[in-house]
Amino acid sequence: LDVVWIESGLSWVPWLMQRLDHTYMMRTSEAPVLTKKPSEYMREMYYTCQPLELDHPKAVECTFEMIKADTQLCNASDWPHFDFDLPSEITDLPFLSEQSKRNILGLNAA
């Protein structure tokens, strides 16, 4: 089952990954059917970048790493709303490779 989180931002994802892993590791016996940590399941989900919170660049980079953005993040502009995100919000990120930018801007969705 492919899961896509749309228009929910990304800043909540690392926190939830950590919290779920922490709780799971304390009580693995309560979830016997899980074969991996909750964060590993979340890395298989897809996310959209709208709205992209860019206020803390290091947090953005960490979030992109945690969700495997190069394969799991899809561009969403939210056009024509007033707070839409331009593609340059992805292309201007210095920590992304050119291939990752192409993936996020279209190839991941394809």
PDB file of N, CA and C in Angstrom:
ATOM      1  N   LEU A   1       0.848  -1.174   0.000  1.00  0.00           N
ATOM      2  CA  LEU A   1       0.000   0.000   0.000  1.00  0.00           C
ATOM      3  C   LEU A   1       0.889   1.230   0.000  1.00  0.00           C
ATOM      4  N   ASP A   2       0.787   2.066  -1.015  1.00  0.00           N
ATOM      5  CA  ASP A   2       1.517   3.319  -1.060  1.00  0.00           C
ATOM      6  C   ASP A   2       0.730   4.387  -0.302  1.00  0.00           C
ATOM      7  N   VAL A   3       1.410   5.092   0.575  1.00  0.00           N
ATOM      8  CA  VAL A   3       0.800   6.155   1.360  1.00  0.00           C
ATOM      9  C   VAL A   3       1.460   7.464   0.957  1.00  0.00           C
ATOM     10  N   VAL A   4       0.639   8.498   0.722  1.00  0.00           N
ATOM     11  CA  VAL A   4       1.152   9.814   0.364  1.00  0.00           C
ATOM     12  C   VAL A   4       0.566  10.833   1.334  1.00  0.00           C
ATOM     13  N   TRP A   5       1.434  11.595   1.985  1.00  0.00           N
ATOM     14  CA  TRP A   5       1.022  12.697   2.851  1.00  0.00           C
ATOM     15  C   TRP A   5       1.043  13.966   2.011  1.00  0.00           C
ATOM     16  N   ILE A   6      -0.125  14.578   1.827  1.00  0.00           N
ATOM     17  CA  ILE A   6      -0.255  15.725   0.940  1.00  0.00           C
ATOM     18  C   ILE A   6      -0.642  16.973   1.734  1.00  0.00           C
ATOM     19  N   GLU A   7       0.039  18.073   1.424  1.00  0.00           N
ATOM     20  CA  GLU A   7      -0.237  19.382   2.015  1.00  0.00           C
ATOM     21  C   GLU A   7      -0.267  19.359   3.541  1.00  0.00           C
ATOM     22  N   SER A   8       0.683  18.655   4.130  1.00  0.00           N
ATOM     23  CA  SER A   8       0.769  18.641   5.590  1.00  0.00           C
ATOM     24  C   SER A   8       2.119  19.136   6.082  1.00  0.00           C
ATOM     25  N   GLY A   9       2.930  19.693   5.176  1.00  0.00           N
ATOM     26  CA  GLY A   9       4.259  20.132   5.551  1.00  0.00           C
ATOM     27  C   GLY A   9       5.146  18.939   5.870  1.00  0.00           C
ATOM     28  N   LEU A  10       6.335  19.224   6.362  1.00  0.00           N
ATOM     29  CA  LEU A  10       7.283  18.149   6.671  1.00  0.00           C
ATOM     30  C   LEU A  10       7.876  18.242   8.067  1.00  0.00           C
ATOM     31  N   SER A  11       7.740  19.374   8.730  1.00  0.00           N
ATOM     32  CA  SER A  11       8.457  19.575   9.988  1.00  0.00           C
ATOM     33  C   SER A  11       8.026  18.608  11.085  1.00  0.00           C
ATOM     34  N   TRP A  12       6.839  18.055  10.997  1.00  0.00           N
ATOM     35  CA  TRP A  12       6.343  17.120  11.999  1.00  0.00           C
ATOM     36  C   TRP A  12       6.919  15.717  11.826  1.00  0.00           C
ATOM     37  N   VAL A  13       7.406  15.387  10.647  1.00  0.00           N
ATOM     38  CA  VAL A  13       7.784  14.009  10.331  1.00  0.00           C
ATOM     39  C   VAL A  13       8.962  13.500  11.174  1.00  0.00           C
ATOM     40  N   PRO A  14      10.087  14.223  11.270  1.00  0.00           N
ATOM     41  CA  PRO A  14      11.195  13.699  12.082  1.00  0.00           C
ATOM     42  C   PRO A  14      10.813  13.490  13.549  1.00  0.00           C
ATOM     43  N   TRP A  15      10.038  14.425  14.080  1.00  0.00           N
ATOM     44  CA  TRP A  15       9.605  14.287  15.470  1.00  0.00           C
ATOM     45  C   TRP A  15       8.787  13.009  15.648  1.00  0.00           C
ATOM     46  N   LEU A  16       7.844  12.770  14.758  1.00  0.00           N
ATOM     47  CA  LEU A  16       7.004  11.590  14.884  1.00  0.00           C
ATOM     48  C   LEU A  16       7.813  10.304  14.693  1.00  0.00           C
ATOM     49  N   MET A  17       8.749  10.325  13.761  1.00  0.00           N
ATOM     50  CA  MET A  17       9.604   9.143  13.556  1.00  0.00           C
ATOM     51  C   MET A  17      10.353   8.799  14.841  1.00  0.00           C
ATOM     52  N   GLN A  18      10.939   9.819  15.462  1.00  0.00           N
ATOM     53  CA  GLN A  18      11.677   9.589  16.702  1.00  0.00           C
ATOM     54  C   GLN A  18      10.768   9.102  17.818  1.00  0.00           C
ATOM     55  N   ARG A  19       9.641   9.742  17.955  1.00  0.00           N
ATOM     56  CA  ARG A  19       8.713   9.390  19.042  1.00  0.00           C
ATOM     57  C   ARG A  19       8.189   7.968  18.887  1.00  0.00           C
ATOM     58  N   LEU A  20       7.800   7.603  17.687  1.00  0.00           N
ATOM     59  CA  LEU A  20       7.291   6.251  17.459  1.00  0.00           C
ATOM     60  C   LEU A  20       8.369   5.197  17.687  1.00  0.00           C
ATOM     61  N   ASP A  21       9.577   5.457  17.194  1.00  0.00           N
ATOM     62  CA  ASP A  21      10.680   4.516  17.421  1.00  0.00           C
ATOM     63  C   ASP A  21      10.969   4.366  18.912  1.00  0.00           C
ATOM     64  N   HIS A  22      11.016   5.478  19.617  1.00  0.00           N
ATOM     65  CA  HIS A  22      11.307   5.447  21.051  1.00  0.00           C
ATOM     66  C   HIS A  22      10.286   4.599  21.804  1.00  0.00           C
ATOM     67  N   THR A  23       9.024   4.849  21.531  1.00  0.00           N
ATOM     68  CA  THR A  23       7.960   4.112  22.210  1.00  0.00           C
ATOM     69  C   THR A  23       7.964   2.640  21.805  1.00  0.00           C
ATOM     70  N   TYR A  24       8.145   2.377  20.534  1.00  0.00           N
ATOM     71  CA  TYR A  24       8.185   1.002  20.046  1.00  0.00           C
ATOM     72  C   TYR A  24       9.324   0.212  20.693  1.00  0.00           C
ATOM     73  N   MET A  25      10.513   0.824  20.770  1.00  0.00           N
ATOM     74  CA  MET A  25      11.671   0.115  21.318  1.00  0.00           C
ATOM     75  C   MET A  25      11.510  -0.190  22.810  1.00  0.00           C
ATOM     76  N   MET A  26      10.705   0.585  23.505  1.00  0.00           N
ATOM     77  CA  MET A  26      10.455   0.299  24.918  1.00  0.00           C
ATOM     78  C   MET A  26       9.479  -0.851  25.105  1.00  0.00           C
ATOM     79  N   ARG A  27       8.612  -1.075  24.099  1.00  0.00           N
ATOM     80  CA  ARG A  27       7.564  -2.090  24.253  1.00  0.00           C
ATOM     81  C   ARG A  27       7.344  -2.860  22.948  1.00  0.00           C
ATOM     82  N   THR A  28       8.385  -3.447  22.411  1.00  0.00           N
ATOM     83  CA  THR A  28       8.251  -4.181  21.148  1.00  0.00           C
ATOM     84  C   THR A  28       7.266  -5.336  21.258  1.00  0.00           C
ATOM     85  N   SER A  29       7.091  -5.881  22.438  1.00  0.00           N
ATOM     86  CA  SER A  29       6.166  -7.011  22.610  1.00  0.00           C
ATOM     87  C   SER A  29       4.719  -6.623  22.341  1.00  0.00           C
ATOM     88  N   GLU A  30       4.416  -5.332  22.392  1.00  0.00           N
ATOM     89  CA  GLU A  30       3.044  -4.878  22.146  1.00  0.00           C
ATOM     90  C   GLU A  30       2.732  -4.719  20.667  1.00  0.00           C
ATOM     91  N   ALA A  31       3.738  -4.869  19.823  1.00  0.00           N
ATOM     92  CA  ALA A  31       3.543  -4.780  18.374  1.00  0.00           C
ATOM     93  C   ALA A  31       4.289  -5.929  17.702  1.00  0.00           C
ATOM     94  N   PRO A  32       3.883  -7.168  17.981  1.00  0.00           N
ATOM     95  CA  PRO A  32       4.649  -8.321  17.504  1.00  0.00           C
ATOM     96  C   PRO A  32       4.667  -8.500  15.984  1.00  0.00           C
ATOM     97  N   VAL A  33       3.744  -7.897  15.271  1.00  0.00           N
ATOM     98  CA  VAL A  33       3.729  -8.081  13.816  1.00  0.00           C
ATOM     99  C   VAL A  33       4.652  -7.118  13.079  1.00  0.00           C
ATOM    100  N   LEU A  34       5.160  -6.111  13.775  1.00  0.00           N
ATOM    101  CA  LEU A  34       6.094  -5.199  13.126  1.00  0.00           C
ATOM    102  C   LEU A  34       7.430  -5.911  12.917  1.00  0.00           C
ATOM    103  N   THR A  35       7.965  -5.770  11.730  1.00  0.00           N
ATOM    104  CA  THR A  35       9.249  -6.402  11.421  1.00  0.00           C
ATOM    105  C   THR A  35      10.386  -5.392  11.384  1.00  0.00           C
ATOM    106  N   LYS A  36      10.044  -4.105  11.539  1.00  0.00           N
ATOM    107  CA  LYS A  36      11.047  -3.048  11.564  1.00  0.00           C
ATOM    108  C   LYS A  36      10.512  -1.877  12.376  1.00  0.00           C
ATOM    109  N   LYS A  37      11.365  -0.918  12.629  1.00  0.00           N
ATOM    110  CA  LYS A  37      10.962   0.254  13.403  1.00  0.00           C
ATOM    111  C   LYS A  37       9.923   1.072  12.635  1.00  0.00           C
ATOM    112  N   PRO A  38       9.064   1.797  13.370  1.00  0.00           N
ATOM    113  CA  PRO A  38       8.063   2.640  12.702  1.00  0.00           C
ATOM    114  C   PRO A  38       8.673   3.646  11.723  1.00  0.00           C
ATOM    115  N   SER A  39       9.828   4.214  12.064  1.00  0.00           N
ATOM    116  CA  SER A  39      10.451   5.187  11.160  1.00  0.00           C
ATOM    117  C   SER A  39      10.829   4.551   9.826  1.00  0.00           C
ATOM    118  N   GLU A  40      11.151   3.274   9.837  1.00  0.00           N
ATOM    119  CA  GLU A  40      11.493   2.592   8.584  1.00  0.00           C
ATOM    120  C   GLU A  40      10.259   2.445   7.695  1.00  0.00           C
ATOM    121  N   TYR A  41       9.101   2.222   8.306  1.00  0.00           N
ATOM    122  CA  TYR A  41       7.861   2.205   7.520  1.00  0.00           C
ATOM    123  C   TYR A  41       7.575   3.596   6.961  1.00  0.00           C
ATOM    124  N   MET A  42       7.832   4.624   7.787  1.00  0.00           N
ATOM    125  CA  MET A  42       7.573   5.996   7.349  1.00  0.00           C
ATOM    126  C   MET A  42       8.497   6.395   6.198  1.00  0.00           C
ATOM    127  N   ARG A  43       9.706   5.831   6.136  1.00  0.00           N
ATOM    128  CA  ARG A  43      10.629   6.137   5.034  1.00  0.00           C
ATOM    129  C   ARG A  43      10.143   5.571   3.707  1.00  0.00           C
ATOM    130  N   GLU A  44       9.214   4.633   3.767  1.00  0.00           N
ATOM    131  CA  GLU A  44       8.639   4.052   2.548  1.00  0.00           C
ATOM    132  C   GLU A  44       7.437   4.847   2.055  1.00  0.00           C
ATOM    133  N   MET A  45       6.934   5.746   2.885  1.00  0.00           N
ATOM    134  CA  MET A  45       5.788   6.575   2.508  1.00  0.00           C
ATOM    135  C   MET A  45       6.265   7.714   1.617  1.00  0.00           C
ATOM    136  N   TYR A  46       5.332   8.337   0.943  1.00  0.00           N
ATOM    137  CA  TYR A  46       5.630   9.496   0.106  1.00  0.00           C
ATOM    138  C   TYR A  46       5.103  10.742   0.796  1.00  0.00           C
ATOM    139  N   TYR A  47       5.754  11.847   0.535  1.00  0.00           N
ATOM    140  CA  TYR A  47       5.395  13.131   1.120  1.00  0.00           C
ATOM    141  C   TYR A  47       5.405  14.179   0.023  1.00  0.00           C
ATOM    142  N   THR A  48       4.625  15.240   0.214  1.00  0.00           N
ATOM    143  CA  THR A  48       4.722  16.373  -0.698  1.00  0.00           C
ATOM    144  C   THR A  48       5.340  17.532   0.072  1.00  0.00           C
ATOM    145  N   CYS A  49       5.949  18.428  -0.660  1.00  0.00           N
ATOM    146  CA  CYS A  49       6.730  19.493  -0.032  1.00  0.00           C
ATOM    147  C   CYS A  49       5.904  20.726   0.302  1.00  0.00           C
ATOM    148  N   GLN A  50       4.633  20.708   0.089  1.00  0.00           N
ATOM    149  CA  GLN A  50       3.851  21.914   0.310  1.00  0.00           C
ATOM    150  C   GLN A  50       3.045  21.811   1.590  1.00  0.00           C
ATOM    151  N   PRO A  51       3.139  22.723   2.499  1.00  0.00           N
ATOM    152  CA  PRO A  51       4.038  23.869   2.439  1.00  0.00           C
ATOM    153  C   PRO A  51       5.437  23.473   2.908  1.00  0.00           C
ATOM    154  N   LEU A  52       6.418  24.024   2.259  1.00  0.00           N
ATOM    155  CA  LEU A  52       7.801  23.730   2.603  1.00  0.00           C
ATOM    156  C   LEU A  52       8.291  24.764   3.611  1.00  0.00           C
ATOM    157  N   GLU A  53       8.534  24.306   4.828  1.00  0.00           N
ATOM    158  CA  GLU A  53       8.997  25.190   5.892  1.00  0.00           C
ATOM    159  C   GLU A  53      10.511  25.333   5.770  1.00  0.00           C
ATOM    160  N   LEU A  54      10.990  26.507   5.390  1.00  0.00           N
ATOM    161  CA  LEU A  54      12.411  26.727   5.133  1.00  0.00           C
ATOM    162  C   LEU A  54      13.082  27.601   6.187  1.00  0.00           C
ATOM    163  N   ASP A  55      12.418  27.862   7.293  1.00  0.00           N
ATOM    164  CA  ASP A  55      12.933  28.787   8.293  1.00  0.00           C
ATOM    165  C   ASP A  55      14.210  28.297   8.983  1.00  0.00           C
ATOM    166  N   HIS A  56      14.405  27.000   9.048  1.00  0.00           N
ATOM    167  CA  HIS A  56      15.565  26.418   9.717  1.00  0.00           C
ATOM    168  C   HIS A  56      16.268  25.470   8.746  1.00  0.00           C
ATOM    169  N   PRO A  57      17.228  25.977   7.983  1.00  0.00           N
ATOM    170  CA  PRO A  57      17.862  25.193   6.914  1.00  0.00           C
ATOM    171  C   PRO A  57      18.434  23.846   7.356  1.00  0.00           C
ATOM    172  N   LYS A  58      19.050  23.792   8.522  1.00  0.00           N
ATOM    173  CA  LYS A  58      19.606  22.514   8.982  1.00  0.00           C
ATOM    174  C   LYS A  58      18.501  21.502   9.280  1.00  0.00           C
ATOM    175  N   ALA A  59      17.387  21.986   9.802  1.00  0.00           N
ATOM    176  CA  ALA A  59      16.250  21.103  10.071  1.00  0.00           C
ATOM    177  C   ALA A  59      15.660  20.587   8.760  1.00  0.00           C
ATOM    178  N   VAL A  60      15.612  21.440   7.751  1.00  0.00           N
ATOM    179  CA  VAL A  60      15.108  21.022   6.434  1.00  0.00           C
ATOM    180  C   VAL A  60      15.998  19.921   5.871  1.00  0.00           C
ATOM    181  N   GLU A  61      17.296  20.120   5.938  1.00  0.00           N
ATOM    182  CA  GLU A  61      18.230  19.120   5.426  1.00  0.00           C
ATOM    183  C   GLU A  61      18.099  17.802   6.180  1.00  0.00           C
ATOM    184  N   CYS A  62      17.991  17.865   7.487  1.00  0.00           N
ATOM    185  CA  CYS A  62      17.816  16.657   8.299  1.00  0.00           C
ATOM    186  C   CYS A  62      16.510  15.945   7.944  1.00  0.00           C
ATOM    187  N   THR A  63      15.455  16.714   7.789  1.00  0.00           N
ATOM    188  CA  THR A  63      14.159  16.136   7.425  1.00  0.00           C
ATOM    189  C   THR A  63      14.239  15.440   6.075  1.00  0.00           C
ATOM    190  N   PHE A  64      14.857  16.078   5.090  1.00  0.00           N
ATOM    191  CA  PHE A  64      14.991  15.478   3.767  1.00  0.00           C
ATOM    192  C   PHE A  64      15.774  14.162   3.844  1.00  0.00           C
ATOM    193  N   GLU A  65      16.787  14.144   4.679  1.00  0.00           N
ATOM    194  CA  GLU A  65      17.571  12.920   4.853  1.00  0.00           C
ATOM    195  C   GLU A  65      16.738  11.831   5.519  1.00  0.00           C
ATOM    196  N   MET A  66      15.996  12.195   6.559  1.00  0.00           N
ATOM    197  CA  MET A  66      15.218  11.207   7.309  1.00  0.00           C
ATOM    198  C   MET A  66      14.106  10.577   6.473  1.00  0.00           C
ATOM    199  N   ILE A  67      13.500  11.342   5.565  1.00  0.00           N
ATOM    200  CA  ILE A  67      12.399  10.786   4.769  1.00  0.00           C
ATOM    201  C   ILE A  67      12.865  10.235   3.427  1.00  0.00           C
ATOM    202  N   LYS A  68      14.175  10.251   3.186  1.00  0.00           N
ATOM    203  CA  LYS A  68      14.725   9.833   1.897  1.00  0.00           C
ATOM    204  C   LYS A  68      14.087  10.636   0.766  1.00  0.00           C
ATOM    205  N   ALA A  69      14.178  11.949   0.868  1.00  0.00           N
ATOM    206  CA  ALA A  69      13.519  12.854  -0.067  1.00  0.00           C
ATOM    207  C   ALA A  69      13.890  12.585  -1.516  1.00  0.00           C
ATOM    208  N   ASP A  70      15.101  12.117  -1.750  1.00  0.00           N
ATOM    209  CA  ASP A  70      15.517  11.876  -3.141  1.00  0.00           C
ATOM    210  C   ASP A  70      14.645  10.846  -3.839  1.00  0.00           C
ATOM    211  N   THR A  71      13.970   9.977  -3.084  1.00  0.00           N
ATOM    212  CA  THR A  71      13.071   8.985  -3.698  1.00  0.00           C
ATOM    213  C   THR A  71      11.635   9.079  -3.191  1.00  0.00           C
ATOM    214  N   GLN A  72      11.392   9.797  -2.076  1.00  0.00           N
ATOM    215  CA  GLN A  72      10.071   9.757  -1.450  1.00  0.00           C
ATOM    216  C   GLN A  72       9.343  11.102  -1.414  1.00  0.00           C
ATOM    217  N   LEU A  73       9.983  12.167  -1.864  1.00  0.00           N
ATOM    218  CA  LEU A  73       9.345  13.484  -1.813  1.00  0.00           C
ATOM    219  C   LEU A  73       8.873  13.889  -3.202  1.00  0.00           C
ATOM    220  N   CYS A  74       7.653  14.400  -3.259  1.00  0.00           N
ATOM    221  CA  CYS A  74       7.067  14.855  -4.526  1.00  0.00           C
ATOM    222  C   CYS A  74       6.747  16.345  -4.417  1.00  0.00           C
ATOM    223  N   ASN A  75       6.962  17.047  -5.500  1.00  0.00           N
ATOM    224  CA  ASN A  75       6.658  18.466  -5.526  1.00  0.00           C
ATOM    225  C   ASN A  75       5.152  18.692  -5.516  1.00  0.00           C
ATOM    226  N   ALA A  76       4.747  19.688  -4.754  1.00  0.00           N
ATOM    227  CA  ALA A  76       3.357  20.144  -4.750  1.00  0.00           C
ATOM    228  C   ALA A  76       3.419  21.652  -4.594  1.00  0.00           C
ATOM    229  N   SER A  77       2.882  22.372  -5.543  1.00  0.00           N
ATOM    230  CA  SER A  77       3.024  23.823  -5.513  1.00  0.00           C
ATOM    231  C   SER A  77       1.900  24.519  -4.754  1.00  0.00           C
ATOM    232  N   ASP A  78       0.709  23.938  -4.755  1.00  0.00           N
ATOM    233  CA  ASP A  78      -0.500  24.537  -4.180  1.00  0.00           C
ATOM    234  C   ASP A  78      -0.976  25.742  -4.991  1.00  0.00           C
ATOM    235  N   TRP A  79      -0.533  25.807  -6.225  1.00  0.00           N
ATOM    236  CA  TRP A  79      -1.011  26.840  -7.130  1.00  0.00           C
ATOM    237  C   TRP A  79      -2.501  26.667  -7.334  1.00  0.00           C
ATOM    238  N   PRO A  80      -3.336  27.647  -7.345  1.00  0.00           N
ATOM    239  CA  PRO A  80      -3.085  29.079  -7.440  1.00  0.00           C
ATOM    240  C   PRO A  80      -3.239  29.814  -6.109  1.00  0.00           C
ATOM    241  N   HIS A  81      -3.151  29.141  -4.994  1.00  0.00           N
ATOM    242  CA  HIS A  81      -3.310  29.823  -3.714  1.00  0.00           C
ATOM    243  C   HIS A  81      -2.185  30.829  -3.459  1.00  0.00           C
ATOM    244  N   PHE A  82      -2.450  31.814  -2.635  1.00  0.00           N
ATOM    245  CA  PHE A  82      -1.497  32.902  -2.406  1.00  0.00           C
ATOM    246  C   PHE A  82      -0.182  32.421  -1.786  1.00  0.00           C
ATOM    247  N   ASP A  83      -0.212  31.299  -1.085  1.00  0.00           N
ATOM    248  CA  ASP A  83       0.997  30.814  -0.403  1.00  0.00           C
ATOM    249  C   ASP A  83       1.637  29.631  -1.139  1.00  0.00           C
ATOM    250  N   PHE A  84       1.500  29.610  -2.455  1.00  0.00           N
ATOM    251  CA  PHE A  84       2.045  28.497  -3.235  1.00  0.00           C
ATOM    252  C   PHE A  84       3.571  28.499  -3.188  1.00  0.00           C
ATOM    253  N   ASP A  85       4.171  27.341  -3.467  1.00  0.00           N
ATOM    254  CA  ASP A  85       5.628  27.186  -3.491  1.00  0.00           C
ATOM    255  C   ASP A  85       6.118  27.105  -4.935  1.00  0.00           C
ATOM    256  N   LEU A  86       7.079  27.933  -5.263  1.00  0.00           N
ATOM    257  CA  LEU A  86       7.706  27.885  -6.587  1.00  0.00           C
ATOM    258  C   LEU A  86       8.661  26.687  -6.675  1.00  0.00           C
ATOM    259  N   PRO A  87       8.898  26.144  -7.857  1.00  0.00           N
ATOM    260  CA  PRO A  87       9.888  25.070  -8.001  1.00  0.00           C
ATOM    261  C   PRO A  87      11.272  25.478  -7.505  1.00  0.00           C
ATOM    262  N   SER A  88      11.556  26.763  -7.509  1.00  0.00           N
ATOM    263  CA  SER A  88      12.871  27.235  -7.042  1.00  0.00           C
ATOM    264  C   SER A  88      13.095  26.949  -5.559  1.00  0.00           C
ATOM    265  N   GLU A  89      12.021  26.726  -4.817  1.00  0.00           N
ATOM    266  CA  GLU A  89      12.196  26.378  -3.407  1.00  0.00           C
ATOM    267  C   GLU A  89      12.931  25.039  -3.287  1.00  0.00           C
ATOM    268  N   ILE A  90      12.792  24.179  -4.288  1.00  0.00           N
ATOM    269  CA  ILE A  90      13.535  22.916  -4.331  1.00  0.00           C
ATOM    270  C   ILE A  90      14.872  23.122  -5.031  1.00  0.00           C
ATOM    271  N   THR A  91      14.858  23.770  -6.180  1.00  0.00           N
ATOM    272  CA  THR A  91      16.094  23.901  -6.957  1.00  0.00           C
ATOM    273  C   THR A  91      17.149  24.742  -6.245  1.00  0.00           C
ATOM    274  N   ASP A  92      16.743  25.617  -5.333  1.00  0.00           N
ATOM    275  CA  ASP A  92      17.696  26.460  -4.616  1.00  0.00           C
ATOM    276  C   ASP A  92      18.283  25.799  -3.365  1.00  0.00           C
ATOM    277  N   LEU A  93      17.831  24.610  -3.016  1.00  0.00           N
ATOM    278  CA  LEU A  93      18.363  23.954  -1.825  1.00  0.00           C
ATOM    279  C   LEU A  93      19.778  23.452  -2.107  1.00  0.00           C
ATOM    280  N   PRO A  94      20.760  23.949  -1.387  1.00  0.00           N
ATOM    281  CA  PRO A  94      22.156  23.642  -1.707  1.00  0.00           C
ATOM    282  C   PRO A  94      22.584  22.213  -1.397  1.00  0.00           C
ATOM    283  N   PHE A  95      21.861  21.524  -0.548  1.00  0.00           N
ATOM    284  CA  PHE A  95      22.271  20.181  -0.147  1.00  0.00           C
ATOM    285  C   PHE A  95      21.734  19.077  -1.061  1.00  0.00           C
ATOM    286  N   LEU A  96      20.897  19.434  -2.028  1.00  0.00           N
ATOM    287  CA  LEU A  96      20.337  18.438  -2.943  1.00  0.00           C
ATOM    288  C   LEU A  96      21.186  18.316  -4.201  1.00  0.00           C
ATOM    289  N   SER A  97      21.377  17.090  -4.660  1.00  0.00           N
ATOM    290  CA  SER A  97      22.050  16.883  -5.942  1.00  0.00           C
ATOM    291  C   SER A  97      21.093  17.257  -7.071  1.00  0.00           C
ATOM    292  N   GLU A  98      21.641  17.438  -8.249  1.00  0.00           N
ATOM    293  CA  GLU A  98      20.796  17.756  -9.406  1.00  0.00           C
ATOM    294  C   GLU A  98      19.799  16.631  -9.673  1.00  0.00           C
ATOM    295  N   GLN A  99      20.236  15.392  -9.499  1.00  0.00           N
ATOM    296  CA  GLN A  99      19.326  14.254  -9.710  1.00  0.00           C
ATOM    297  C   GLN A  99      18.206  14.256  -8.677  1.00  0.00           C
ATOM    298  N   SER A 100      18.528  14.557  -7.432  1.00  0.00           N
ATOM    299  CA  SER A 100      17.497  14.620  -6.390  1.00  0.00           C
ATOM    300  C   SER A 100      16.469  15.699  -6.705  1.00  0.00           C
ATOM    301  N   LYS A 101      16.944  16.834  -7.202  1.00  0.00           N
ATOM    302  CA  LYS A 101      16.026  17.915  -7.572  1.00  0.00           C
ATOM    303  C   LYS A 101      15.082  17.465  -8.682  1.00  0.00           C
ATOM    304  N   ARG A 102      15.627  16.775  -9.697  1.00  0.00           N
ATOM    305  CA  ARG A 102      14.777  16.277 -10.792  1.00  0.00           C
ATOM    306  C   ARG A 102      13.777  15.246 -10.254  1.00  0.00           C
ATOM    307  N   ASN A 103      14.235  14.392  -9.348  1.00  0.00           N
ATOM    308  CA  ASN A 103      13.340  13.381  -8.773  1.00  0.00           C
ATOM    309  C   ASN A 103      12.174  14.042  -8.044  1.00  0.00           C
ATOM    310  N   ILE A 104      12.495  14.988  -7.186  1.00  0.00           N
ATOM    311  CA  ILE A 104      11.464  15.656  -6.377  1.00  0.00           C
ATOM    312  C   ILE A 104      10.508  16.454  -7.253  1.00  0.00           C
ATOM    313  N   LEU A 105      11.034  17.100  -8.280  1.00  0.00           N
ATOM    314  CA  LEU A 105      10.191  17.950  -9.132  1.00  0.00           C
ATOM    315  C   LEU A 105       9.361  17.180 -10.154  1.00  0.00           C
ATOM    316  N   GLY A 106       9.490  15.864 -10.187  1.00  0.00           N
ATOM    317  CA  GLY A 106       8.633  15.138 -11.120  1.00  0.00           C
ATOM    318  C   GLY A 106       8.856  13.639 -11.208  1.00  0.00           C
ATOM    319  N   LEU A 107      10.101  13.202 -11.155  1.00  0.00           N
ATOM    320  CA  LEU A 107      10.364  11.787 -11.378  1.00  0.00           C
ATOM    321  C   LEU A 107       9.823  10.884 -10.279  1.00  0.00           C
ATOM    322  N   ASN A 108       9.851  11.345  -9.017  1.00  0.00           N
ATOM    323  CA  ASN A 108       9.300  10.529  -7.933  1.00  0.00           C
ATOM    324  C   ASN A 108       7.813  10.292  -8.125  1.00  0.00           C
ATOM    325  N   ALA A 109       7.103  11.311  -8.566  1.00  0.00           N
ATOM    326  CA  ALA A 109       5.663  11.170  -8.803  1.00  0.00           C
ATOM    327  C   ALA A 109       5.395  10.259  -9.981  1.00  0.00           C
ATOM    328  N   ALA A 110       6.260  10.344 -10.988  1.00  0.00           N
ATOM    329  CA  ALA A 110       6.064   9.499 -12.182  1.00  0.00           C
ATOM    330  C   ALA A 110       6.252   8.044 -11.804  1.00  0.00           C
TER     331      ALA A 110
END
